[in-house]
Amino acid sequence: MKIQTQIQNDIAILQLQGEFTIESLKSFEEAVSNALASRAEGLILDMSRVILLDSASLEKLIELNDQCRQQSRQMKLAGLDETCQKILEITRLLPQLDTYAELTEAVRSFV
């Protein structure tokens, strides 16, 4: 999985591309750690180019969401495709996560 990070108005945006699986967790954790070290107030995961989620990535999303809450930060997911949205629905994780159809909506939600 490819990950690009940008900081916009105190919000760290991680643009993920490819399969978000156990094989990509190490690089994901490093990118998140670097983004959170920037003291960003919030974190947006742009999922618009993610084509697959596995159980390890789902666990990591819930863990990261909890971590952000403990640090008084918000984590938001943007651009989930139909497959990834369905995976979150089936696993009953969707209600636990703050999701937006588009990245711009997620960014605006911080204002």
N, C-alpha and C. Protein backbone atom coordinates (compact mmCIF):
# COMPACT_ATOMS: atom_id res chain seq x y z
N MET A 1 0.84 -1.17 0.00
CA MET A 1 0.00 0.00 0.00
C MET A 1 0.89 1.24 0.00
N LYS A 2 0.49 2.22 -0.77
CA LYS A 2 1.19 3.50 -0.81
C LYS A 2 0.48 4.47 0.12
N ILE A 3 1.28 5.29 0.81
CA ILE A 3 0.72 6.28 1.74
C ILE A 3 1.39 7.62 1.49
N GLN A 4 0.58 8.65 1.28
CA GLN A 4 1.08 10.01 1.17
C GLN A 4 0.47 10.82 2.30
N THR A 5 1.27 11.67 2.91
CA THR A 5 0.80 12.47 4.04
C THR A 5 0.91 13.95 3.70
N GLN A 6 -0.10 14.68 4.09
CA GLN A 6 -0.04 16.13 3.99
C GLN A 6 -0.71 16.73 5.22
N ILE A 7 -0.24 17.91 5.60
CA ILE A 7 -0.83 18.63 6.73
C ILE A 7 -1.55 19.83 6.15
N GLN A 8 -2.83 19.97 6.54
CA GLN A 8 -3.64 21.07 6.04
C GLN A 8 -4.44 21.64 7.20
N ASN A 9 -4.16 22.88 7.57
CA ASN A 9 -4.89 23.54 8.66
C ASN A 9 -4.91 22.70 9.94
N ASP A 10 -3.76 22.24 10.37
CA ASP A 10 -3.63 21.43 11.59
C ASP A 10 -4.33 20.08 11.51
N ILE A 11 -4.57 19.60 10.30
CA ILE A 11 -5.17 18.29 10.08
C ILE A 11 -4.19 17.46 9.26
N ALA A 12 -3.88 16.27 9.76
CA ALA A 12 -3.02 15.36 9.01
C ALA A 12 -3.92 14.51 8.10
N ILE A 13 -3.60 14.52 6.82
CA ILE A 13 -4.37 13.73 5.86
C ILE A 13 -3.46 12.65 5.30
N LEU A 14 -3.85 11.41 5.52
CA LEU A 14 -3.11 10.28 4.97
C LEU A 14 -3.91 9.71 3.81
N GLN A 15 -3.32 9.78 2.63
CA GLN A 15 -3.97 9.24 1.44
C GLN A 15 -3.43 7.83 1.23
N LEU A 16 -4.31 6.85 1.39
CA LEU A 16 -3.94 5.45 1.29
C LEU A 16 -4.32 4.93 -0.09
N GLN A 17 -3.46 4.07 -0.65
CA GLN A 17 -3.74 3.52 -1.97
C GLN A 17 -3.32 2.06 -2.02
N GLY A 18 -4.26 1.20 -2.41
CA GLY A 18 -3.97 -0.22 -2.56
C GLY A 18 -4.70 -1.06 -1.55
N GLU A 19 -4.10 -2.19 -1.20
CA GLU A 19 -4.69 -3.12 -0.25
C GLU A 19 -4.20 -2.78 1.16
N PHE A 20 -5.14 -2.51 2.05
CA PHE A 20 -4.82 -2.20 3.44
C PHE A 20 -4.93 -3.53 4.20
N THR A 21 -3.79 -4.21 4.30
CA THR A 21 -3.76 -5.54 4.90
C THR A 21 -2.64 -5.61 5.93
N ILE A 22 -2.51 -6.77 6.54
CA ILE A 22 -1.49 -6.98 7.57
C ILE A 22 -0.09 -6.65 7.04
N GLU A 23 0.14 -6.89 5.75
CA GLU A 23 1.45 -6.60 5.16
C GLU A 23 1.78 -5.11 5.15
N SER A 24 0.77 -4.27 5.17
CA SER A 24 1.00 -2.83 5.09
C SER A 24 0.91 -2.13 6.45
N LEU A 25 0.69 -2.89 7.51
CA LEU A 25 0.49 -2.26 8.83
C LEU A 25 1.71 -1.50 9.32
N LYS A 26 2.90 -2.04 9.10
CA LYS A 26 4.10 -1.36 9.60
C LYS A 26 4.26 0.02 8.96
N SER A 27 4.11 0.11 7.66
CA SER A 27 4.25 1.41 6.99
C SER A 27 3.10 2.35 7.39
N PHE A 28 1.91 1.79 7.60
CA PHE A 28 0.78 2.59 8.05
C PHE A 28 1.05 3.15 9.44
N GLU A 29 1.53 2.31 10.34
CA GLU A 29 1.82 2.76 11.71
C GLU A 29 2.89 3.85 11.72
N GLU A 30 3.90 3.72 10.87
CA GLU A 30 4.94 4.75 10.79
C GLU A 30 4.37 6.07 10.29
N ALA A 31 3.54 6.00 9.26
CA ALA A 31 2.94 7.22 8.71
C ALA A 31 2.03 7.90 9.73
N VAL A 32 1.26 7.11 10.45
CA VAL A 32 0.37 7.65 11.48
C VAL A 32 1.19 8.27 12.61
N SER A 33 2.23 7.58 13.05
CA SER A 33 3.08 8.08 14.11
C SER A 33 3.69 9.43 13.73
N ASN A 34 4.19 9.53 12.52
CA ASN A 34 4.77 10.79 12.04
C ASN A 34 3.71 11.89 11.97
N ALA A 35 2.52 11.54 11.50
CA ALA A 35 1.45 12.53 11.39
C ALA A 35 1.02 13.03 12.76
N LEU A 36 0.88 12.12 13.71
CA LEU A 36 0.46 12.51 15.05
C LEU A 36 1.56 13.27 15.78
N ALA A 37 2.81 13.00 15.46
CA ALA A 37 3.93 13.72 16.07
C ALA A 37 3.94 15.19 15.63
N SER A 38 3.29 15.48 14.52
CA SER A 38 3.23 16.85 14.02
C SER A 38 2.28 17.71 14.84
N ARG A 39 1.65 17.09 15.83
CA ARG A 39 0.69 17.77 16.72
C ARG A 39 -0.56 18.21 15.97
N ALA A 40 -0.89 17.51 14.92
CA ALA A 40 -2.12 17.80 14.19
C ALA A 40 -3.31 17.58 15.12
N GLU A 41 -4.31 18.43 14.99
CA GLU A 41 -5.50 18.31 15.83
C GLU A 41 -6.37 17.14 15.42
N GLY A 42 -6.31 16.80 14.16
CA GLY A 42 -7.15 15.72 13.65
C GLY A 42 -6.42 14.90 12.61
N LEU A 43 -7.03 13.77 12.30
CA LEU A 43 -6.45 12.84 11.35
C LEU A 43 -7.54 12.39 10.39
N ILE A 44 -7.28 12.53 9.10
CA ILE A 44 -8.21 12.03 8.09
C ILE A 44 -7.50 10.95 7.29
N LEU A 45 -8.14 9.81 7.18
CA LEU A 45 -7.63 8.74 6.32
C LEU A 45 -8.45 8.77 5.04
N ASP A 46 -7.79 9.17 3.96
CA ASP A 46 -8.44 9.20 2.65
C ASP A 46 -8.40 7.78 2.10
N MET A 47 -9.53 7.11 2.13
CA MET A 47 -9.64 5.71 1.76
C MET A 47 -10.14 5.52 0.32
N SER A 48 -10.20 6.59 -0.45
CA SER A 48 -10.81 6.53 -1.77
C SER A 48 -10.08 5.60 -2.74
N ARG A 49 -8.82 5.29 -2.45
CA ARG A 49 -8.06 4.39 -3.33
C ARG A 49 -7.71 3.07 -2.66
N VAL A 50 -8.37 2.78 -1.54
CA VAL A 50 -8.17 1.51 -0.85
C VAL A 50 -9.13 0.50 -1.48
N ILE A 51 -8.59 -0.65 -1.89
CA ILE A 51 -9.43 -1.64 -2.57
C ILE A 51 -9.75 -2.85 -1.71
N LEU A 52 -9.08 -2.97 -0.54
CA LEU A 52 -9.32 -4.13 0.30
C LEU A 52 -8.94 -3.82 1.74
N LEU A 53 -9.75 -4.30 2.67
CA LEU A 53 -9.45 -4.23 4.09
C LEU A 53 -9.46 -5.65 4.62
N ASP A 54 -8.49 -5.99 5.47
CA ASP A 54 -8.53 -7.31 6.12
C ASP A 54 -8.76 -7.11 7.61
N SER A 55 -8.84 -8.21 8.34
CA SER A 55 -9.15 -8.12 9.78
C SER A 55 -8.09 -7.34 10.55
N ALA A 56 -6.83 -7.46 10.15
CA ALA A 56 -5.76 -6.73 10.85
C ALA A 56 -5.92 -5.22 10.64
N SER A 57 -6.27 -4.81 9.44
CA SER A 57 -6.45 -3.38 9.19
C SER A 57 -7.68 -2.85 9.92
N LEU A 58 -8.73 -3.66 10.01
CA LEU A 58 -9.92 -3.24 10.76
C LEU A 58 -9.58 -3.04 12.23
N GLU A 59 -8.83 -3.96 12.79
CA GLU A 59 -8.39 -3.82 14.18
C GLU A 59 -7.58 -2.54 14.37
N LYS A 60 -6.69 -2.28 13.42
CA LYS A 60 -5.84 -1.10 13.50
C LYS A 60 -6.67 0.18 13.42
N LEU A 61 -7.70 0.20 12.58
CA LEU A 61 -8.56 1.39 12.48
C LEU A 61 -9.27 1.67 13.80
N ILE A 62 -9.79 0.64 14.43
CA ILE A 62 -10.49 0.81 15.71
C ILE A 62 -9.50 1.24 16.79
N GLU A 63 -8.33 0.62 16.80
CA GLU A 63 -7.29 0.98 17.78
C GLU A 63 -6.86 2.43 17.60
N LEU A 64 -6.66 2.84 16.37
CA LEU A 64 -6.24 4.22 16.08
C LEU A 64 -7.35 5.20 16.46
N ASN A 65 -8.57 4.86 16.18
CA ASN A 65 -9.70 5.71 16.54
C ASN A 65 -9.74 5.92 18.06
N ASP A 66 -9.56 4.84 18.82
CA ASP A 66 -9.53 4.93 20.28
C ASP A 66 -8.34 5.77 20.76
N GLN A 67 -7.19 5.57 20.13
CA GLN A 67 -5.99 6.34 20.48
C GLN A 67 -6.22 7.83 20.25
N CYS A 68 -6.82 8.17 19.13
CA CYS A 68 -7.08 9.58 18.84
C CYS A 68 -8.03 10.18 19.87
N ARG A 69 -9.07 9.44 20.23
CA ARG A 69 -10.02 9.93 21.24
C ARG A 69 -9.33 10.17 22.57
N GLN A 70 -8.43 9.26 22.97
CA GLN A 70 -7.72 9.41 24.23
C GLN A 70 -6.83 10.65 24.22
N GLN A 71 -6.38 11.04 23.03
CA GLN A 71 -5.52 12.22 22.90
C GLN A 71 -6.32 13.47 22.54
N SER A 72 -7.64 13.39 22.66
CA SER A 72 -8.54 14.50 22.32
C SER A 72 -8.38 14.95 20.87
N ARG A 73 -8.18 13.99 20.00
CA ARG A 73 -8.11 14.24 18.57
C ARG A 73 -9.26 13.50 17.90
N GLN A 74 -9.55 13.91 16.70
CA GLN A 74 -10.59 13.23 15.93
C GLN A 74 -9.96 12.49 14.76
N MET A 75 -10.47 11.30 14.48
CA MET A 75 -10.06 10.55 13.30
C MET A 75 -11.29 10.38 12.41
N LYS A 76 -11.10 10.64 11.14
CA LYS A 76 -12.21 10.52 10.20
C LYS A 76 -11.75 9.73 8.98
N LEU A 77 -12.67 8.97 8.43
CA LEU A 77 -12.41 8.23 7.19
C LEU A 77 -13.16 8.92 6.07
N ALA A 78 -12.51 9.05 4.93
CA ALA A 78 -13.14 9.70 3.78
C ALA A 78 -13.03 8.82 2.55
N GLY A 79 -14.08 8.85 1.73
CA GLY A 79 -14.04 8.22 0.42
C GLY A 79 -14.07 6.71 0.39
N LEU A 80 -14.70 6.08 1.36
CA LEU A 80 -14.80 4.62 1.34
C LEU A 80 -15.53 4.15 0.09
N ASP A 81 -14.95 3.19 -0.62
CA ASP A 81 -15.67 2.64 -1.77
C ASP A 81 -16.73 1.66 -1.26
N GLU A 82 -17.54 1.17 -2.17
CA GLU A 82 -18.66 0.31 -1.80
C GLU A 82 -18.21 -0.95 -1.07
N THR A 83 -17.11 -1.55 -1.53
CA THR A 83 -16.61 -2.79 -0.91
C THR A 83 -16.15 -2.54 0.52
N CYS A 84 -15.33 -1.52 0.71
CA CYS A 84 -14.82 -1.22 2.06
C CYS A 84 -15.95 -0.81 3.00
N GLN A 85 -16.90 -0.05 2.49
CA GLN A 85 -18.05 0.35 3.31
C GLN A 85 -18.83 -0.89 3.73
N LYS A 86 -19.02 -1.82 2.81
CA LYS A 86 -19.76 -3.05 3.11
C LYS A 86 -19.02 -3.89 4.17
N ILE A 87 -17.69 -3.95 4.06
CA ILE A 87 -16.89 -4.69 5.06
C ILE A 87 -17.11 -4.09 6.44
N LEU A 88 -17.09 -2.77 6.54
CA LEU A 88 -17.31 -2.11 7.83
C LEU A 88 -18.74 -2.31 8.34
N GLU A 89 -19.69 -2.36 7.43
CA GLU A 89 -21.08 -2.63 7.83
C GLU A 89 -21.23 -4.05 8.35
N ILE A 90 -20.72 -5.02 7.61
CA ILE A 90 -20.85 -6.43 7.98
C ILE A 90 -20.20 -6.72 9.33
N THR A 91 -19.06 -6.10 9.57
CA THR A 91 -18.34 -6.32 10.83
C THR A 91 -18.88 -5.46 11.97
N ARG A 92 -19.88 -4.65 11.67
CA ARG A 92 -20.52 -3.76 12.64
C ARG A 92 -19.57 -2.72 13.22
N LEU A 93 -18.58 -2.35 12.42
CA LEU A 93 -17.62 -1.33 12.86
C LEU A 93 -17.97 0.06 12.35
N LEU A 94 -18.80 0.11 11.33
CA LEU A 94 -19.12 1.40 10.71
C LEU A 94 -19.65 2.43 11.72
N PRO A 95 -20.56 2.07 12.63
CA PRO A 95 -21.06 3.07 13.58
C PRO A 95 -19.99 3.62 14.54
N GLN A 96 -18.90 2.90 14.69
CA GLN A 96 -17.84 3.34 15.60
C GLN A 96 -16.91 4.37 14.96
N LEU A 97 -17.01 4.51 13.64
CA LEU A 97 -16.09 5.37 12.90
C LEU A 97 -16.83 6.55 12.29
N ASP A 98 -16.14 7.68 12.23
CA ASP A 98 -16.68 8.89 11.64
C ASP A 98 -16.32 8.88 10.16
N THR A 99 -17.31 8.69 9.28
CA THR A 99 -17.02 8.53 7.86
C THR A 99 -17.68 9.64 7.03
N TYR A 100 -17.03 9.96 5.92
CA TYR A 100 -17.51 10.98 4.99
C TYR A 100 -17.34 10.46 3.57
N ALA A 101 -18.27 10.81 2.71
CA ALA A 101 -18.22 10.35 1.32
C ALA A 101 -17.02 10.92 0.57
N GLU A 102 -16.68 12.16 0.87
CA GLU A 102 -15.60 12.85 0.15
C GLU A 102 -14.58 13.44 1.13
N LEU A 103 -13.36 13.55 0.68
CA LEU A 103 -12.30 14.13 1.50
C LEU A 103 -12.63 15.57 1.87
N THR A 104 -13.17 16.35 0.94
CA THR A 104 -13.48 17.74 1.23
C THR A 104 -14.51 17.86 2.36
N GLU A 105 -15.47 16.94 2.41
CA GLU A 105 -16.45 16.95 3.50
C GLU A 105 -15.78 16.69 4.84
N ALA A 106 -14.86 15.75 4.86
CA ALA A 106 -14.15 15.42 6.10
C ALA A 106 -13.32 16.61 6.57
N VAL A 107 -12.64 17.27 5.65
CA VAL A 107 -11.84 18.45 6.01
C VAL A 107 -12.75 19.55 6.57
N ARG A 108 -13.87 19.81 5.90
CA ARG A 108 -14.79 20.85 6.35
C ARG A 108 -15.39 20.54 7.72
N SER A 109 -15.50 19.27 8.06
CA SER A 109 -16.12 18.90 9.34
C SER A 109 -15.28 19.35 10.54
N PHE A 110 -14.02 19.68 10.31
CA PHE A 110 -13.15 20.16 11.39
C PHE A 110 -13.33 21.65 11.66
N VAL A 111 -13.97 22.36 10.75
CA VAL A 111 -14.11 23.81 10.91
C VAL A 111 -15.22 24.15 11.86
